[in-house]
Amino acid sequence: MKVEKIETISLKIPHNFVKQLDKIAKEEDRSRSSVMRMAFEKFLEDYAEEKWTKKIIAEYEKDGGSNQKTYTLEEIMNLLS
């Protein structure tokens, strides 16, 4: 099992976010940090997906929409990097 390095950051957020965070942490029986890590992970996944989607759309539009290319998994991974 690979041990991942954990770093500490500080973040200023509005009080109502803290209240919502605490409510979720309590409901999920998790710490604030755990809930925030999950939120950041989701954000990063969504960001990568949006970036990939924009690249695919740009490629499609560059071809004028006439060349409906099928992408292999390797091609998609290359577009993401």
Protein backbone atom coordinates (compact mmCIF):
# COMPACT_ATOMS: atom_id res chain seq x y z
CA MET A 1 0.00 0.00 0.00
CA LYS A 2 1.45 3.34 -1.08
CA VAL A 3 1.54 5.97 1.64
CA GLU A 4 0.57 9.35 0.26
CA LYS A 5 2.26 12.47 1.57
CA ILE A 6 -0.23 14.71 3.34
CA GLU A 7 0.27 18.47 3.47
CA THR A 8 -1.51 21.08 5.51
CA ILE A 9 -2.99 24.19 3.95
CA SER A 10 -5.08 26.96 5.44
CA LEU A 11 -8.13 28.40 3.81
CA LYS A 12 -10.44 31.28 4.59
CA ILE A 13 -14.07 30.49 3.89
CA PRO A 14 -17.35 32.20 4.83
CA HIS A 15 -18.93 31.18 8.11
CA ASN A 16 -21.97 29.67 6.38
CA PHE A 17 -19.61 27.29 4.51
CA VAL A 18 -18.15 26.18 7.83
CA LYS A 19 -21.63 25.52 9.16
CA GLN A 20 -22.47 23.44 6.08
CA LEU A 21 -19.14 21.64 6.32
CA ASP A 22 -19.74 20.78 9.96
CA LYS A 23 -23.24 19.54 9.18
CA ILE A 24 -21.96 17.25 6.42
CA ALA A 25 -19.08 16.02 8.59
CA LYS A 26 -21.52 15.13 11.34
CA GLU A 27 -23.95 13.41 8.95
CA GLU A 28 -21.14 11.40 7.37
CA ASP A 29 -19.35 10.76 10.68
CA ARG A 30 -16.16 12.26 9.24
CA SER A 31 -13.81 15.05 10.16
CA ARG A 32 -13.85 18.47 8.50
CA SER A 33 -10.55 17.60 6.83
CA SER A 34 -11.95 14.39 5.39
CA VAL A 35 -14.99 16.16 3.95
CA MET A 36 -12.81 18.93 2.51
CA ARG A 37 -10.44 16.37 0.92
CA MET A 38 -13.44 14.68 -0.70
CA ALA A 39 -14.68 18.06 -1.98
CA PHE A 40 -11.26 18.98 -3.40
CA GLU A 41 -10.94 15.56 -5.04
CA LYS A 42 -14.35 15.98 -6.68
CA PHE A 43 -13.44 19.49 -7.85
CA LEU A 44 -10.17 18.28 -9.39
CA GLU A 45 -11.93 15.39 -11.15
CA ASP A 46 -14.60 17.74 -12.49
CA TYR A 47 -11.96 20.25 -13.60
CA ALA A 48 -10.02 17.57 -15.50
CA GLU A 49 -13.21 16.30 -17.12
CA GLU A 50 -14.22 19.82 -18.18
CA LYS A 51 -10.74 20.44 -19.59
CA TRP A 52 -10.91 17.18 -21.56
CA THR A 53 -14.40 17.98 -22.82
CA LYS A 54 -13.29 21.40 -24.06
CA LYS A 55 -10.37 19.81 -25.92
CA ILE A 56 -12.66 17.26 -27.58
CA ILE A 57 -15.15 19.98 -28.57
CA ALA A 58 -12.34 22.16 -29.95
CA GLU A 59 -11.08 19.23 -32.06
CA TYR A 60 -14.59 18.58 -33.30
CA GLU A 61 -15.16 22.22 -34.18
CA LYS A 62 -11.74 22.48 -35.85
CA ASP A 63 -12.87 19.78 -38.27
CA GLY A 64 -16.09 21.68 -38.85
CA GLY A 65 -17.99 18.84 -37.25
CA SER A 66 -17.62 16.84 -40.45
CA ASN A 67 -15.12 14.32 -39.15
CA GLN A 68 -16.76 12.49 -36.29
CA LYS A 69 -13.65 10.77 -35.03
CA THR A 70 -13.75 7.89 -32.59
CA TYR A 71 -11.09 8.22 -29.89
CA THR A 72 -9.19 5.36 -28.35
CA LEU A 73 -8.58 5.38 -24.61
CA GLU A 74 -4.89 6.11 -25.28
CA GLU A 75 -5.81 9.15 -27.41
CA ILE A 76 -8.11 10.45 -24.70
CA MET A 77 -5.41 10.02 -22.06
CA ASN A 78 -2.95 11.90 -24.31
CA LEU A 79 -5.45 14.74 -24.72
CA LEU A 80 -5.76 14.97 -20.93
CA SER A 81 -2.02 15.28 -20.36
